[in-house]
Amino acid sequence: MPEAVGVIETLGFPAILAAADASVKAARVTLVYFDKAESGRFYIAIRGGISEVKPAIAAGIEAAEAAYGGQVITHYIVPNPPENVESVLPLEYTEEVEQFRI
């Protein structure tokens, strides 16, 4: 099954928490990365089948915007990321998240 990666960046922690929660509950995806950007921005990366990442990102965006003061800065989906992108960017399944891989 072709894999995809989806990312969401928000302003404020409650919005990214809501996005992460909604994303993993909306479809068969795995949260593979979380980090802080600058100026109160946070982002997550999820992985899964292309048909699963699309609704998961949509649910995450909706939940983030519904969080009090939540603001989605940007989001993007990459279907079938090449190995070079996976090896350079923090998008791979790590040992830490492997137990949650669906």
PDB file of N, CA and C in Angstrom:
ATOM      1  N   MET A   1       0.851  -1.176   0.000  1.00  0.00           N
ATOM      2  CA  MET A   1       0.000   0.000   0.000  1.00  0.00           C
ATOM      3  C   MET A   1       0.894   1.235   0.000  1.00  0.00           C
ATOM      4  N   PRO A   2       0.638   2.181  -0.891  1.00  0.00           N
ATOM      5  CA  PRO A   2       1.427   3.411  -0.921  1.00  0.00           C
ATOM      6  C   PRO A   2       1.274   4.202   0.374  1.00  0.00           C
ATOM      7  N   GLU A   3       2.399   4.669   0.889  1.00  0.00           N
ATOM      8  CA  GLU A   3       2.430   5.440   2.130  1.00  0.00           C
ATOM      9  C   GLU A   3       2.458   6.930   1.824  1.00  0.00           C
ATOM     10  N   ALA A   4       2.007   7.709   2.788  1.00  0.00           N
ATOM     11  CA  ALA A   4       2.042   9.165   2.675  1.00  0.00           C
ATOM     12  C   ALA A   4       2.487   9.725   4.010  1.00  0.00           C
ATOM     13  N   VAL A   5       2.892  10.972   3.984  1.00  0.00           N
ATOM     14  CA  VAL A   5       3.196  11.705   5.207  1.00  0.00           C
ATOM     15  C   VAL A   5       2.388  12.992   5.160  1.00  0.00           C
ATOM     16  N   GLY A   6       1.831  13.359   6.300  1.00  0.00           N
ATOM     17  CA  GLY A   6       1.083  14.604   6.403  1.00  0.00           C
ATOM     18  C   GLY A   6       1.608  15.399   7.579  1.00  0.00           C
ATOM     19  N   VAL A   7       1.681  16.712   7.423  1.00  0.00           N
ATOM     20  CA  VAL A   7       2.164  17.576   8.495  1.00  0.00           C
ATOM     21  C   VAL A   7       1.161  18.699   8.742  1.00  0.00           C
ATOM     22  N   ILE A   8       1.079  19.093  10.006  1.00  0.00           N
ATOM     23  CA  ILE A   8       0.250  20.232  10.413  1.00  0.00           C
ATOM     24  C   ILE A   8       1.096  21.090  11.339  1.00  0.00           C
ATOM     25  N   GLU A   9       1.083  22.393  11.111  1.00  0.00           N
ATOM     26  CA  GLU A   9       1.749  23.341  11.994  1.00  0.00           C
ATOM     27  C   GLU A   9       0.695  24.295  12.537  1.00  0.00           C
ATOM     28  N   THR A  10       0.729  24.500  13.851  1.00  0.00           N
ATOM     29  CA  THR A  10      -0.253  25.372  14.485  1.00  0.00           C
ATOM     30  C   THR A  10       0.430  26.422  15.342  1.00  0.00           C
ATOM     31  N   LEU A  11      -0.346  27.403  15.711  1.00  0.00           N
ATOM     32  CA  LEU A  11       0.080  28.391  16.687  1.00  0.00           C
ATOM     33  C   LEU A  11      -0.541  27.976  18.013  1.00  0.00           C
ATOM     34  N   GLY A  12       0.293  27.664  18.994  1.00  0.00           N
ATOM     35  CA  GLY A  12      -0.193  27.264  20.308  1.00  0.00           C
ATOM     36  C   GLY A  12      -0.248  25.764  20.498  1.00  0.00           C
ATOM     37  N   PHE A  13       0.113  25.343  21.705  1.00  0.00           N
ATOM     38  CA  PHE A  13       0.133  23.908  22.013  1.00  0.00           C
ATOM     39  C   PHE A  13      -1.253  23.262  22.038  1.00  0.00           C
ATOM     40  N   PRO A  14      -2.288  23.893  22.618  1.00  0.00           N
ATOM     41  CA  PRO A  14      -3.593  23.227  22.622  1.00  0.00           C
ATOM     42  C   PRO A  14      -4.091  22.864  21.219  1.00  0.00           C
ATOM     43  N   ALA A  15      -3.793  23.703  20.248  1.00  0.00           N
ATOM     44  CA  ALA A  15      -4.246  23.427  18.880  1.00  0.00           C
ATOM     45  C   ALA A  15      -3.533  22.205  18.302  1.00  0.00           C
ATOM     46  N   ILE A  16      -2.227  22.061  18.548  1.00  0.00           N
ATOM     47  CA  ILE A  16      -1.514  20.902  17.999  1.00  0.00           C
ATOM     48  C   ILE A  16      -1.899  19.630  18.742  1.00  0.00           C
ATOM     49  N   LEU A  17      -2.187  19.748  20.033  1.00  0.00           N
ATOM     50  CA  LEU A  17      -2.667  18.595  20.787  1.00  0.00           C
ATOM     51  C   LEU A  17      -3.999  18.121  20.223  1.00  0.00           C
ATOM     52  N   ALA A  18      -4.891  19.056  19.955  1.00  0.00           N
ATOM     53  CA  ALA A  18      -6.192  18.712  19.366  1.00  0.00           C
ATOM     54  C   ALA A  18      -6.008  18.096  17.984  1.00  0.00           C
ATOM     55  N   ALA A  19      -5.093  18.638  17.196  1.00  0.00           N
ATOM     56  CA  ALA A  19      -4.845  18.116  15.849  1.00  0.00           C
ATOM     57  C   ALA A  19      -4.296  16.690  15.903  1.00  0.00           C
ATOM     58  N   ALA A  20      -3.330  16.454  16.792  1.00  0.00           N
ATOM     59  CA  ALA A  20      -2.747  15.114  16.911  1.00  0.00           C
ATOM     60  C   ALA A  20      -3.796  14.103  17.352  1.00  0.00           C
ATOM     61  N   ASP A  21      -4.575  14.473  18.354  1.00  0.00           N
ATOM     62  CA  ASP A  21      -5.613  13.587  18.875  1.00  0.00           C
ATOM     63  C   ASP A  21      -6.634  13.245  17.793  1.00  0.00           C
ATOM     64  N   ALA A  22      -7.130  14.253  17.110  1.00  0.00           N
ATOM     65  CA  ALA A  22      -8.147  14.023  16.076  1.00  0.00           C
ATOM     66  C   ALA A  22      -7.587  13.228  14.901  1.00  0.00           C
ATOM     67  N   SER A  23      -6.345  13.495  14.531  1.00  0.00           N
ATOM     68  CA  SER A  23      -5.746  12.800  13.387  1.00  0.00           C
ATOM     69  C   SER A  23      -5.635  11.302  13.621  1.00  0.00           C
ATOM     70  N   VAL A  24      -5.110  10.915  14.780  1.00  0.00           N
ATOM     71  CA  VAL A  24      -4.922   9.474  15.020  1.00  0.00           C
ATOM     72  C   VAL A  24      -6.240   8.756  15.308  1.00  0.00           C
ATOM     73  N   LYS A  25      -7.259   9.501  15.709  1.00  0.00           N
ATOM     74  CA  LYS A  25      -8.566   8.886  15.929  1.00  0.00           C
ATOM     75  C   LYS A  25      -9.399   8.814  14.654  1.00  0.00           C
ATOM     76  N   ALA A  26      -9.077   9.648  13.662  1.00  0.00           N
ATOM     77  CA  ALA A  26      -9.894   9.729  12.446  1.00  0.00           C
ATOM     78  C   ALA A  26      -9.553   8.657  11.416  1.00  0.00           C
ATOM     79  N   ALA A  27      -8.333   8.129  11.474  1.00  0.00           N
ATOM     80  CA  ALA A  27      -7.920   7.171  10.449  1.00  0.00           C
ATOM     81  C   ALA A  27      -6.789   6.299  10.978  1.00  0.00           C
ATOM     82  N   ARG A  28      -6.412   5.318  10.189  1.00  0.00           N
ATOM     83  CA  ARG A  28      -5.340   4.396  10.571  1.00  0.00           C
ATOM     84  C   ARG A  28      -3.988   5.015  10.216  1.00  0.00           C
ATOM     85  N   VAL A  29      -3.542   5.943  11.063  1.00  0.00           N
ATOM     86  CA  VAL A  29      -2.265   6.621  10.872  1.00  0.00           C
ATOM     87  C   VAL A  29      -1.447   6.541  12.155  1.00  0.00           C
ATOM     88  N   THR A  30      -0.165   6.836  12.030  1.00  0.00           N
ATOM     89  CA  THR A  30       0.740   6.836  13.175  1.00  0.00           C
ATOM     90  C   THR A  30       1.378   8.211  13.300  1.00  0.00           C
ATOM     91  N   LEU A  31       1.341   8.753  14.486  1.00  0.00           N
ATOM     92  CA  LEU A  31       2.034  10.006  14.767  1.00  0.00           C
ATOM     93  C   LEU A  31       3.517   9.672  14.866  1.00  0.00           C
ATOM     94  N   VAL A  32       4.333  10.201  13.937  1.00  0.00           N
ATOM     95  CA  VAL A  32       5.751   9.847  13.909  1.00  0.00           C
ATOM     96  C   VAL A  32       6.657  10.963  14.402  1.00  0.00           C
ATOM     97  N   TYR A  33       6.145  12.196  14.500  1.00  0.00           N
ATOM     98  CA  TYR A  33       7.020  13.290  14.907  1.00  0.00           C
ATOM     99  C   TYR A  33       6.221  14.445  15.480  1.00  0.00           C
ATOM    100  N   PHE A  34       6.794  15.065  16.495  1.00  0.00           N
ATOM    101  CA  PHE A  34       6.259  16.283  17.104  1.00  0.00           C
ATOM    102  C   PHE A  34       7.449  17.159  17.456  1.00  0.00           C
ATOM    103  N   ASP A  35       7.317  18.439  17.253  1.00  0.00           N
ATOM    104  CA  ASP A  35       8.380  19.347  17.671  1.00  0.00           C
ATOM    105  C   ASP A  35       7.829  20.761  17.780  1.00  0.00           C
ATOM    106  N   LYS A  36       8.631  21.599  18.426  1.00  0.00           N
ATOM    107  CA  LYS A  36       8.311  23.016  18.543  1.00  0.00           C
ATOM    108  C   LYS A  36       9.060  23.763  17.456  1.00  0.00           C
ATOM    109  N   ALA A  37       8.390  24.684  16.844  1.00  0.00           N
ATOM    110  CA  ALA A  37       9.048  25.596  15.913  1.00  0.00           C
ATOM    111  C   ALA A  37       9.339  26.857  16.724  1.00  0.00           C
ATOM    112  N   GLU A  38       9.364  27.980  16.140  1.00  0.00           N
ATOM    113  CA  GLU A  38       9.623  29.200  16.900  1.00  0.00           C
ATOM    114  C   GLU A  38       8.334  29.993  17.106  1.00  0.00           C
ATOM    115  N   SER A  39       8.370  30.924  18.008  1.00  0.00           N
ATOM    116  CA  SER A  39       7.255  31.847  18.264  1.00  0.00           C
ATOM    117  C   SER A  39       5.947  31.146  18.605  1.00  0.00           C
ATOM    118  N   GLY A  40       6.008  30.110  19.424  1.00  0.00           N
ATOM    119  CA  GLY A  40       4.793  29.432  19.854  1.00  0.00           C
ATOM    120  C   GLY A  40       4.178  28.527  18.817  1.00  0.00           C
ATOM    121  N   ARG A  41       4.933  28.145  17.817  1.00  0.00           N
ATOM    122  CA  ARG A  41       4.426  27.250  16.778  1.00  0.00           C
ATOM    123  C   ARG A  41       4.853  25.814  17.082  1.00  0.00           C
ATOM    124  N   PHE A  42       3.978  24.883  16.764  1.00  0.00           N
ATOM    125  CA  PHE A  42       4.218  23.462  16.981  1.00  0.00           C
ATOM    126  C   PHE A  42       3.825  22.718  15.714  1.00  0.00           C
ATOM    127  N   TYR A  43       4.430  21.561  15.496  1.00  0.00           N
ATOM    128  CA  TYR A  43       4.033  20.782  14.334  1.00  0.00           C
ATOM    129  C   TYR A  43       4.116  19.295  14.614  1.00  0.00           C
ATOM    130  N   ILE A  44       3.320  18.564  13.846  1.00  0.00           N
ATOM    131  CA  ILE A  44       3.295  17.110  13.913  1.00  0.00           C
ATOM    132  C   ILE A  44       3.439  16.547  12.512  1.00  0.00           C
ATOM    133  N   ALA A  45       3.910  15.311  12.449  1.00  0.00           N
ATOM    134  CA  ALA A  45       3.944  14.564  11.194  1.00  0.00           C
ATOM    135  C   ALA A  45       3.279  13.223  11.452  1.00  0.00           C
ATOM    136  N   ILE A  46       2.417  12.817  10.539  1.00  0.00           N
ATOM    137  CA  ILE A  46       1.745  11.525  10.632  1.00  0.00           C
ATOM    138  C   ILE A  46       2.070  10.719   9.388  1.00  0.00           C
ATOM    139  N   ARG A  47       2.036   9.389   9.521  1.00  0.00           N
ATOM    140  CA  ARG A  47       2.298   8.496   8.402  1.00  0.00           C
ATOM    141  C   ARG A  47       1.185   7.475   8.310  1.00  0.00           C
ATOM    142  N   GLY A  48       0.963   7.003   7.117  1.00  0.00           N
ATOM    143  CA  GLY A  48      -0.017   5.964   6.876  1.00  0.00           C
ATOM    144  C   GLY A  48      -0.295   5.864   5.391  1.00  0.00           C
ATOM    145  N   GLY A  49      -1.282   5.073   5.055  1.00  0.00           N
ATOM    146  CA  GLY A  49      -1.684   4.960   3.662  1.00  0.00           C
ATOM    147  C   GLY A  49      -2.223   6.287   3.159  1.00  0.00           C
ATOM    148  N   ILE A  50      -2.080   6.515   1.875  1.00  0.00           N
ATOM    149  CA  ILE A  50      -2.535   7.779   1.294  1.00  0.00           C
ATOM    150  C   ILE A  50      -4.009   8.021   1.593  1.00  0.00           C
ATOM    151  N   SER A  51      -4.814   6.985   1.455  1.00  0.00           N
ATOM    152  CA  SER A  51      -6.253   7.134   1.696  1.00  0.00           C
ATOM    153  C   SER A  51      -6.581   7.367   3.165  1.00  0.00           C
ATOM    154  N   GLU A  52      -5.646   7.106   4.052  1.00  0.00           N
ATOM    155  CA  GLU A  52      -5.846   7.326   5.487  1.00  0.00           C
ATOM    156  C   GLU A  52      -5.308   8.690   5.934  1.00  0.00           C
ATOM    157  N   VAL A  53      -4.209   9.131   5.349  1.00  0.00           N
ATOM    158  CA  VAL A  53      -3.597  10.394   5.764  1.00  0.00           C
ATOM    159  C   VAL A  53      -4.488  11.586   5.401  1.00  0.00           C
ATOM    160  N   LYS A  54      -5.122  11.535   4.251  1.00  0.00           N
ATOM    161  CA  LYS A  54      -5.969  12.668   3.827  1.00  0.00           C
ATOM    162  C   LYS A  54      -7.084  12.964   4.835  1.00  0.00           C
ATOM    163  N   PRO A  55      -7.913  11.995   5.231  1.00  0.00           N
ATOM    164  CA  PRO A  55      -8.953  12.315   6.217  1.00  0.00           C
ATOM    165  C   PRO A  55      -8.380  12.623   7.605  1.00  0.00           C
ATOM    166  N   ALA A  56      -7.233  12.036   7.940  1.00  0.00           N
ATOM    167  CA  ALA A  56      -6.621  12.319   9.236  1.00  0.00           C
ATOM    168  C   ALA A  56      -6.156  13.770   9.314  1.00  0.00           C
ATOM    169  N   ILE A  57      -5.543  14.264   8.254  1.00  0.00           N
ATOM    170  CA  ILE A  57      -5.103  15.666   8.223  1.00  0.00           C
ATOM    171  C   ILE A  57      -6.315  16.596   8.248  1.00  0.00           C
ATOM    172  N   ALA A  58      -7.355  16.261   7.512  1.00  0.00           N
ATOM    173  CA  ALA A  58      -8.567  17.089   7.510  1.00  0.00           C
ATOM    174  C   ALA A  58      -9.171  17.169   8.911  1.00  0.00           C
ATOM    175  N   ALA A  59      -9.232  16.039   9.601  1.00  0.00           N
ATOM    176  CA  ALA A  59      -9.767  16.029  10.968  1.00  0.00           C
ATOM    177  C   ALA A  59      -8.862  16.814  11.912  1.00  0.00           C
ATOM    178  N   GLY A  60      -7.552  16.697  11.731  1.00  0.00           N
ATOM    179  CA  GLY A  60      -6.613  17.438  12.563  1.00  0.00           C
ATOM    180  C   GLY A  60      -6.736  18.935  12.383  1.00  0.00           C
ATOM    181  N   ILE A  61      -6.891  19.375  11.160  1.00  0.00           N
ATOM    182  CA  ILE A  61      -7.063  20.807  10.873  1.00  0.00           C
ATOM    183  C   ILE A  61      -8.337  21.324  11.524  1.00  0.00           C
ATOM    184  N   GLU A  62      -9.418  20.585  11.352  1.00  0.00           N
ATOM    185  CA  GLU A  62     -10.706  20.990  11.929  1.00  0.00           C
ATOM    186  C   GLU A  62     -10.614  21.098  13.452  1.00  0.00           C
ATOM    187  N   ALA A  63      -9.996  20.113  14.081  1.00  0.00           N
ATOM    188  CA  ALA A  63      -9.872  20.112  15.545  1.00  0.00           C
ATOM    189  C   ALA A  63      -8.974  21.243  16.027  1.00  0.00           C
ATOM    190  N   ALA A  64      -7.886  21.496  15.323  1.00  0.00           N
ATOM    191  CA  ALA A  64      -6.973  22.574  15.722  1.00  0.00           C
ATOM    192  C   ALA A  64      -7.655  23.931  15.650  1.00  0.00           C
ATOM    193  N   GLU A  65      -8.431  24.138  14.604  1.00  0.00           N
ATOM    194  CA  GLU A  65      -9.116  25.417  14.450  1.00  0.00           C
ATOM    195  C   GLU A  65     -10.256  25.574  15.452  1.00  0.00           C
ATOM    196  N   ALA A  66     -10.788  24.444  15.935  1.00  0.00           N
ATOM    197  CA  ALA A  66     -11.867  24.499  16.922  1.00  0.00           C
ATOM    198  C   ALA A  66     -11.350  24.715  18.342  1.00  0.00           C
ATOM    199  N   ALA A  67     -10.065  24.444  18.554  1.00  0.00           N
ATOM    200  CA  ALA A  67      -9.472  24.660  19.883  1.00  0.00           C
ATOM    201  C   ALA A  67      -9.469  26.158  20.175  1.00  0.00           C
ATOM    202  N   TYR A  68      -9.715  26.520  21.413  1.00  0.00           N
ATOM    203  CA  TYR A  68      -9.777  27.929  21.787  1.00  0.00           C
ATOM    204  C   TYR A  68      -8.462  28.627  21.406  1.00  0.00           C
ATOM    205  N   GLY A  69      -8.549  29.632  20.577  1.00  0.00           N
ATOM    206  CA  GLY A  69      -7.369  30.360  20.118  1.00  0.00           C
ATOM    207  C   GLY A  69      -6.552  29.605  19.094  1.00  0.00           C
ATOM    208  N   GLY A  70      -7.036  28.444  18.669  1.00  0.00           N
ATOM    209  CA  GLY A  70      -6.282  27.617  17.730  1.00  0.00           C
ATOM    210  C   GLY A  70      -6.172  28.240  16.356  1.00  0.00           C
ATOM    211  N   GLN A  71      -4.996  28.111  15.781  1.00  0.00           N
ATOM    212  CA  GLN A  71      -4.765  28.636  14.444  1.00  0.00           C
ATOM    213  C   GLN A  71      -3.836  27.686  13.700  1.00  0.00           C
ATOM    214  N   VAL A  72      -4.289  27.207  12.556  1.00  0.00           N
ATOM    215  CA  VAL A  72      -3.444  26.372  11.710  1.00  0.00           C
ATOM    216  C   VAL A  72      -2.608  27.307  10.849  1.00  0.00           C
ATOM    217  N   ILE A  73      -1.298  27.172  10.955  1.00  0.00           N
ATOM    218  CA  ILE A  73      -0.391  28.002  10.170  1.00  0.00           C
ATOM    219  C   ILE A  73      -0.242  27.434   8.765  1.00  0.00           C
ATOM    220  N   THR A  74       0.010  26.130   8.696  1.00  0.00           N
ATOM    221  CA  THR A  74       0.169  25.479   7.402  1.00  0.00           C
ATOM    222  C   THR A  74      -0.035  23.972   7.553  1.00  0.00           C
ATOM    223  N   HIS A  75      -0.241  23.313   6.445  1.00  0.00           N
ATOM    224  CA  HIS A  75      -0.373  21.855   6.424  1.00  0.00           C
ATOM    225  C   HIS A  75      -0.013  21.371   5.031  1.00  0.00           C
ATOM    226  N   TYR A  76       0.385  20.106   4.948  1.00  0.00           N
ATOM    227  CA  TYR A  76       0.763  19.569   3.650  1.00  0.00           C
ATOM    228  C   TYR A  76       0.763  18.038   3.704  1.00  0.00           C
ATOM    229  N   ILE A  77       0.455  17.420   2.583  1.00  0.00           N
ATOM    230  CA  ILE A  77       0.495  15.962   2.451  1.00  0.00           C
ATOM    231  C   ILE A  77       1.434  15.612   1.305  1.00  0.00           C
ATOM    232  N   VAL A  78       2.335  14.666   1.553  1.00  0.00           N
ATOM    233  CA  VAL A  78       3.242  14.171   0.515  1.00  0.00           C
ATOM    234  C   VAL A  78       2.918  12.694   0.282  1.00  0.00           C
ATOM    235  N   PRO A  79       2.289  12.374  -0.852  1.00  0.00           N
ATOM    236  CA  PRO A  79       2.057  10.970  -1.152  1.00  0.00           C
ATOM    237  C   PRO A  79       3.357  10.326  -1.643  1.00  0.00           C
ATOM    238  N   ASN A  80       3.645   9.136  -1.154  1.00  0.00           N
ATOM    239  CA  ASN A  80       4.824   8.382  -1.577  1.00  0.00           C
ATOM    240  C   ASN A  80       6.123   9.186  -1.502  1.00  0.00           C
ATOM    241  N   PRO A  81       6.516   9.653  -0.322  1.00  0.00           N
ATOM    242  CA  PRO A  81       7.766  10.407  -0.244  1.00  0.00           C
ATOM    243  C   PRO A  81       8.951   9.523  -0.639  1.00  0.00           C
ATOM    244  N   PRO A  82       9.891  10.050  -1.419  1.00  0.00           N
ATOM    245  CA  PRO A  82      11.044   9.248  -1.818  1.00  0.00           C
ATOM    246  C   PRO A  82      11.959   8.962  -0.633  1.00  0.00           C
ATOM    247  N   GLU A  83      12.766   7.920  -0.754  1.00  0.00           N
ATOM    248  CA  GLU A  83      13.655   7.518   0.329  1.00  0.00           C
ATOM    249  C   GLU A  83      14.585   8.648   0.748  1.00  0.00           C
ATOM    250  N   ASN A  84      15.020   9.463  -0.203  1.00  0.00           N
ATOM    251  CA  ASN A  84      15.919  10.561   0.115  1.00  0.00           C
ATOM    252  C   ASN A  84      15.255  11.543   1.063  1.00  0.00           C
ATOM    253  N   VAL A  85      13.994  11.837   0.858  1.00  0.00           N
ATOM    254  CA  VAL A  85      13.260  12.750   1.746  1.00  0.00           C
ATOM    255  C   VAL A  85      13.111  12.116   3.122  1.00  0.00           C
ATOM    256  N   GLU A  86      12.772  10.833   3.162  1.00  0.00           N
ATOM    257  CA  GLU A  86      12.613  10.137   4.436  1.00  0.00           C
ATOM    258  C   GLU A  86      13.921  10.047   5.217  1.00  0.00           C
ATOM    259  N   SER A  87      15.030   9.912   4.536  1.00  0.00           N
ATOM    260  CA  SER A  87      16.300   9.771   5.238  1.00  0.00           C
ATOM    261  C   SER A  87      16.817  11.095   5.788  1.00  0.00           C
ATOM    262  N   VAL A  88      16.410  12.203   5.217  1.00  0.00           N
ATOM    263  CA  VAL A  88      16.898  13.513   5.652  1.00  0.00           C
ATOM    264  C   VAL A  88      15.952  14.173   6.659  1.00  0.00           C
ATOM    265  N   LEU A  89      14.679  14.087   6.416  1.00  0.00           N
ATOM    266  CA  LEU A  89      13.692  14.722   7.296  1.00  0.00           C
ATOM    267  C   LEU A  89      13.197  13.724   8.345  1.00  0.00           C
ATOM    268  N   PRO A  90      12.744  14.194   9.493  1.00  0.00           N
ATOM    269  CA  PRO A  90      12.292  13.289  10.572  1.00  0.00           C
ATOM    270  C   PRO A  90      10.890  12.732  10.318  1.00  0.00           C
ATOM    271  N   LEU A  91      10.794  11.842   9.324  1.00  0.00           N
ATOM    272  CA  LEU A  91       9.486  11.323   8.918  1.00  0.00           C
ATOM    273  C   LEU A  91       9.376   9.814   9.029  1.00  0.00           C
ATOM    274  N   GLU A  92      10.454   9.144   9.377  1.00  0.00           N
ATOM    275  CA  GLU A  92      10.448   7.687   9.367  1.00  0.00           C
ATOM    276  C   GLU A  92       9.787   7.135  10.630  1.00  0.00           C
ATOM    277  N   TYR A  93       9.426   5.874  10.543  1.00  0.00           N
ATOM    278  CA  TYR A  93       8.928   5.171  11.723  1.00  0.00           C
ATOM    279  C   TYR A  93      10.138   4.856  12.600  1.00  0.00           C
ATOM    280  N   THR A  94      10.165   5.339  13.800  1.00  0.00           N
ATOM    281  CA  THR A  94      11.269   5.077  14.719  1.00  0.00           C
ATOM    282  C   THR A  94      10.874   3.961  15.673  1.00  0.00           C
ATOM    283  N   GLU A  95      11.853   3.453  16.419  1.00  0.00           N
ATOM    284  CA  GLU A  95      11.557   2.435  17.426  1.00  0.00           C
ATOM    285  C   GLU A  95      10.540   2.950  18.431  1.00  0.00           C
ATOM    286  N   GLU A  96      10.626   4.236  18.718  1.00  0.00           N
ATOM    287  CA  GLU A  96       9.745   4.860  19.702  1.00  0.00           C
ATOM    288  C   GLU A  96       8.272   4.777  19.289  1.00  0.00           C
ATOM    289  N   VAL A  97       7.991   4.897  17.991  1.00  0.00           N
ATOM    290  CA  VAL A  97       6.596   4.905  17.540  1.00  0.00           C
ATOM    291  C   VAL A  97       6.169   3.595  16.875  1.00  0.00           C
ATOM    292  N   GLU A  98       7.119   2.691  16.656  1.00  0.00           N
ATOM    293  CA  GLU A  98       6.808   1.442  15.967  1.00  0.00           C
ATOM    294  C   GLU A  98       5.681   0.658  16.626  1.00  0.00           C
ATOM    295  N   GLN A  99       5.606   0.695  17.958  1.00  0.00           N
ATOM    296  CA  GLN A  99       4.545  -0.046  18.649  1.00  0.00           C
ATOM    297  C   GLN A  99       3.144   0.478  18.332  1.00  0.00           C
ATOM    298  N   PHE A 100       3.059   1.712  17.836  1.00  0.00           N
ATOM    299  CA  PHE A 100       1.770   2.308  17.513  1.00  0.00           C
ATOM    300  C   PHE A 100       1.461   2.241  16.024  1.00  0.00           C
ATOM    301  N   ARG A 101       2.380   1.710  15.249  1.00  0.00           N
ATOM    302  CA  ARG A 101       2.208   1.645  13.790  1.00  0.00           C
ATOM    303  C   ARG A 101       1.023   0.769  13.450  1.00  0.00           C
ATOM    304  N   ILE A 102       0.205   1.264  12.572  1.00  0.00           N
ATOM    305  CA  ILE A 102      -1.015   0.550  12.184  1.00  0.00           C
ATOM    306  C   ILE A 102      -0.863   0.017  10.779  1.00  0.00           C
TER     307      ILE A 102
END
